[in-house]
C-alpha atoms as a PDB file:
ATOM      1  CA  MET A   1     -71.689 141.144 -51.253  1.00  0.00           C
ATOM      2  CA  PRO A   2     -75.143 142.238 -50.844  1.00  0.00           C
ATOM      3  CA  LEU A   3     -77.944 141.802 -53.320  1.00  0.00           C
ATOM      4  CA  GLU A   4     -78.193 145.179 -55.235  1.00  0.00           C
ATOM      5  CA  PHE A   5     -80.285 146.913 -58.120  1.00  0.00           C
ATOM      6  CA  VAL A   6     -78.388 148.923 -60.892  1.00  0.00           C
ATOM      7  CA  ARG A   7     -80.240 151.203 -62.681  1.00  0.00           C
ATOM      8  CA  THR A   8     -76.629 153.553 -63.127  1.00  0.00           C
ATOM      9  CA  LYS A   9     -73.265 153.320 -64.611  1.00  0.00           C
ATOM     10  CA  ILE A  10     -71.231 151.240 -62.362  1.00  0.00           C
ATOM     11  CA  ALA A  11     -67.322 150.022 -63.237  1.00  0.00           C
ATOM     12  CA  ARG A  12     -66.658 146.240 -64.262  1.00  0.00           C
ATOM     13  CA  SER A  13     -64.063 145.783 -61.679  1.00  0.00           C
ATOM     14  CA  TYR A  14     -66.474 145.890 -58.938  1.00  0.00           C
ATOM     15  CA  LEU A  15     -68.288 142.919 -60.800  1.00  0.00           C
ATOM     16  CA  ALA A  16     -65.423 141.851 -60.816  1.00  0.00           C
ATOM     17  CA  ALA A  17     -64.424 142.063 -57.228  1.00  0.00           C
ATOM     18  CA  ALA A  18     -67.830 141.034 -56.435  1.00  0.00           C
ATOM     19  CA  ALA A  19     -67.619 137.774 -58.938  1.00  0.00           C
ATOM     20  CA  ALA A  20     -64.438 136.803 -56.933  1.00  0.00           C
ATOM     21  CA  GLU A  21     -66.121 137.175 -53.591  1.00  0.00           C
ATOM     22  CA  GLN A  22     -69.147 134.375 -54.428  1.00  0.00           C
ATOM     23  CA  PHE A  23     -67.858 132.633 -57.254  1.00  0.00           C
ATOM     24  CA  GLY A  24     -64.882 133.241 -58.553  1.00  0.00           C
ATOM     25  CA  ASP A  25     -64.919 134.443 -61.586  1.00  0.00           C
ATOM     26  CA  MET A  26     -68.554 135.059 -62.629  1.00  0.00           C
ATOM     27  CA  ILE A  27     -72.099 136.849 -61.043  1.00  0.00           C
ATOM     28  CA  LYS A  28     -75.714 135.977 -61.317  1.00  0.00           C
ATOM     29  CA  ALA A  29     -77.565 138.935 -62.417  1.00  0.00           C
ATOM     30  CA  VAL A  30     -81.809 140.103 -63.320  1.00  0.00           C
ATOM     31  CA  VAL A  31     -81.888 141.597 -66.099  1.00  0.00           C
ATOM     32  CA  ASP A  32     -85.545 143.914 -66.485  1.00  0.00           C
ATOM     33  CA  VAL A  33     -85.875 144.245 -70.208  1.00  0.00           C
ATOM     34  CA  ARG A  34     -88.472 146.893 -69.997  1.00  0.00           C
ATOM     35  CA  ARG A  35     -87.015 148.848 -66.809  1.00  0.00           C
ATOM     36  CA  LYS A  36     -83.760 148.272 -68.138  1.00  0.00           C
ATOM     37  CA  ILE A  37     -82.436 147.503 -64.514  1.00  0.00           C
ATOM     38  CA  MET A  38     -80.446 145.031 -63.591  1.00  0.00           C
ATOM     39  CA  VAL A  39     -80.316 143.445 -59.807  1.00  0.00           C
ATOM     40  CA  VAL A  40     -76.721 141.155 -58.846  1.00  0.00           C
ATOM     41  CA  GLY A  41     -75.120 139.762 -56.133  1.00  0.00           C
ATOM     42  CA  ALA A  42     -77.664 137.101 -54.903  1.00  0.00           C
ATOM     43  CA  GLU A  43     -76.294 133.389 -54.893  1.00  0.00           C
ATOM     44  CA  LEU A  44     -79.844 132.052 -56.647  1.00  0.00           C
ATOM     45  CA  HIS A  45     -81.311 133.997 -60.040  1.00  0.00           C
ATOM     46  CA  SER A  46     -84.748 133.199 -58.608  1.00  0.00           C
ATOM     47  CA  ASP A  47     -83.533 135.803 -55.410  1.00  0.00           C
ATOM     48  CA  GLU A  48     -82.790 138.069 -58.101  1.00  0.00           C
ATOM     49  CA  GLU A  49     -86.040 137.852 -59.400  1.00  0.00           C
ATOM     50  CA  SER A  50     -87.852 137.548 -56.284  1.00  0.00           C
ATOM     51  CA  ALA A  51     -86.451 141.565 -55.734  1.00  0.00           C
ATOM     52  CA  LEU A  52     -87.623 143.514 -59.701  1.00  0.00           C
ATOM     53  CA  LEU A  53     -90.984 141.753 -58.634  1.00  0.00           C
ATOM     54  CA  GLY A  54     -91.008 142.840 -55.628  1.00  0.00           C
ATOM     55  CA  ASP A  55     -89.801 146.786 -56.709  1.00  0.00           C
ATOM     56  CA  GLY A  56     -92.514 146.542 -59.534  1.00  0.00           C
ATOM     57  CA  SER A  57     -91.145 144.504 -62.985  1.00  0.00           C
ATOM     58  CA  ARG A  58     -93.353 141.970 -64.553  1.00  0.00           C
ATOM     59  CA  GLN A  59     -92.757 138.651 -64.838  1.00  0.00           C
ATOM     60  CA  GLU A  60     -92.418 138.655 -68.344  1.00  0.00           C
ATOM     61  CA  ASP A  61     -89.585 141.450 -68.937  1.00  0.00           C
ATOM     62  CA  ARG A  62     -86.629 139.981 -66.254  1.00  0.00           C
ATOM     63  CA  TRP A  63     -84.699 137.595 -67.748  1.00  0.00           C
ATOM     64  CA  GLY A  64     -81.320 135.714 -65.814  1.00  0.00           C
ATOM     65  CA  ILE A  65     -77.623 135.632 -67.072  1.00  0.00           C
ATOM     66  CA  ASN A  66     -74.649 134.630 -66.387  1.00  0.00           C
ATOM     67  CA  LEU A  67     -71.481 137.591 -66.285  1.00  0.00           C
ATOM     68  CA  TYR A  68     -67.715 136.801 -66.888  1.00  0.00           C
ATOM     69  CA  PRO A  69     -65.894 140.253 -65.786  1.00  0.00           C
ATOM     70  CA  ALA A  70     -62.815 139.028 -66.723  1.00  0.00           C
ATOM     71  CA  GLU A  71     -64.182 138.146 -70.055  1.00  0.00           C
ATOM     72  CA  ASP A  72     -64.911 140.018 -73.783  1.00  0.00           C
ATOM     73  CA  GLY A  73     -67.121 139.531 -75.958  1.00  0.00           C
ATOM     74  CA  ASP A  74     -69.769 136.499 -76.352  1.00  0.00           C
ATOM     75  CA  ASP A  75     -67.189 135.427 -72.907  1.00  0.00           C
ATOM     76  CA  TRP A  76     -68.601 138.008 -71.074  1.00  0.00           C
ATOM     77  CA  PHE A  77     -72.195 137.083 -70.999  1.00  0.00           C
ATOM     78  CA  GLU A  78     -74.306 133.164 -70.637  1.00  0.00           C
ATOM     79  CA  PHE A  79     -77.574 132.975 -71.102  1.00  0.00           C
ATOM     80  CA  ASP A  80     -78.561 130.304 -68.697  1.00  0.00           C
ATOM     81  CA  SER A  81     -80.891 129.862 -65.518  1.00  0.00           C
ATOM     82  CA  MET A  82     -83.526 128.463 -64.533  1.00  0.00           C
ATOM     83  CA  ILE A  83     -86.000 131.209 -64.485  1.00  0.00           C
ATOM     84  CA  ASN A  84     -86.037 131.578 -68.316  1.00  0.00           C
ATOM     85  CA  VAL A  85     -87.791 128.272 -68.821  1.00  0.00           C
ATOM     86  CA  ARG A  86     -90.691 130.330 -69.687  1.00  0.00           C
ATOM     87  CA  PRO A  87     -92.744 127.589 -72.414  1.00  0.00           C
ATOM     88  CA  ALA A  88     -95.857 129.261 -72.516  1.00  0.00           C
ATOM     89  CA  GLN A  89     -93.462 132.646 -73.592  1.00  0.00           C
ATOM     90  CA  GLY A  90     -91.666 130.320 -76.247  1.00  0.00           C
ATOM     91  CA  ASN A  91     -88.231 129.974 -74.752  1.00  0.00           C
ATOM     92  CA  ARG A  92     -88.387 126.084 -73.607  1.00  0.00           C
ATOM     93  CA  SER A  93     -84.168 125.817 -72.607  1.00  0.00           C
ATOM     94  CA  ARG A  94     -82.637 127.840 -69.610  1.00  0.00           C
ATOM     95  CA  GLY A  95     -81.028 129.633 -71.948  1.00  0.00           C
ATOM     96  CA  VAL A  96     -82.493 133.188 -74.350  1.00  0.00           C
ATOM     97  CA  GLU A  97     -83.398 131.585 -77.435  1.00  0.00           C
ATOM     98  CA  ASP A  98     -84.619 135.154 -78.757  1.00  0.00           C
ATOM     99  CA  ALA A  99     -81.304 136.644 -80.239  1.00  0.00           C
ATOM    100  CA  ARG A 100     -83.244 139.806 -80.512  1.00  0.00           C
ATOM    101  CA  LEU A 101     -83.852 139.761 -76.656  1.00  0.00           C
ATOM    102  CA  GLN A 102     -80.571 138.720 -76.687  1.00  0.00           C
ATOM    103  CA  ALA A 103     -79.361 141.573 -78.067  1.00  0.00           C
ATOM    104  CA  SER A 104     -82.117 143.826 -76.018  1.00  0.00           C
ATOM    105  CA  ILE A 105     -80.399 142.129 -72.850  1.00  0.00           C
ATOM    106  CA  ARG A 106     -76.747 143.296 -74.024  1.00  0.00           C
ATOM    107  CA  GLN A 107     -77.152 146.800 -74.705  1.00  0.00           C
ATOM    108  CA  ILE A 108     -79.090 147.151 -71.232  1.00  0.00           C
ATOM    109  CA  VAL A 109     -76.395 145.110 -69.394  1.00  0.00           C
ATOM    110  CA  ASP A 110     -73.480 147.405 -72.230  1.00  0.00           C
ATOM    111  CA  ASP A 111     -75.203 150.760 -71.003  1.00  0.00           C
ATOM    112  CA  LEU A 112     -74.967 149.754 -66.718  1.00  0.00           C
ATOM    113  CA  VAL A 113     -71.284 148.152 -67.231  1.00  0.00           C
ATOM    114  CA  ALA A 114     -68.227 151.101 -67.964  1.00  0.00           C
ATOM    115  CA  PRO A 115     -65.374 149.331 -68.473  1.00  0.00           C
ATOM    116  CA  GLU A 116     -62.362 149.394 -66.679  1.00  0.00           C
ATOM    117  CA  SER A 117     -61.129 152.162 -67.939  1.00  0.00           C
ATOM    118  CA  SER A 118     -63.706 154.347 -68.289  1.00  0.00           C
ATOM    119  CA  SER A 119     -64.787 153.441 -63.830  1.00  0.00           C
END
């Protein structure tokens, strides 16, 4: 799957097919919480991050996640990426430590990914 900017709603089944091509059951994504967009399709979060930065995103606004399209609820998201390690922003781990930020990222992804039945 080529690197893709997601600015409007896409089908979850599309992400599932893309995941199958790359990692099996997972696809990497980087979300810009200010612009409410994400990039998917790269092998590395850092490549998606670079694409967002080149498109006008700010460093402090982008967060790496993994999505598991076949899963539901909390199992659908994984907040785990090396790009999230930012001690200067108070995030000292690969996860996203701030619960409000996690909620914001979840909402953006929910707004951008249509469930199977409404794709």
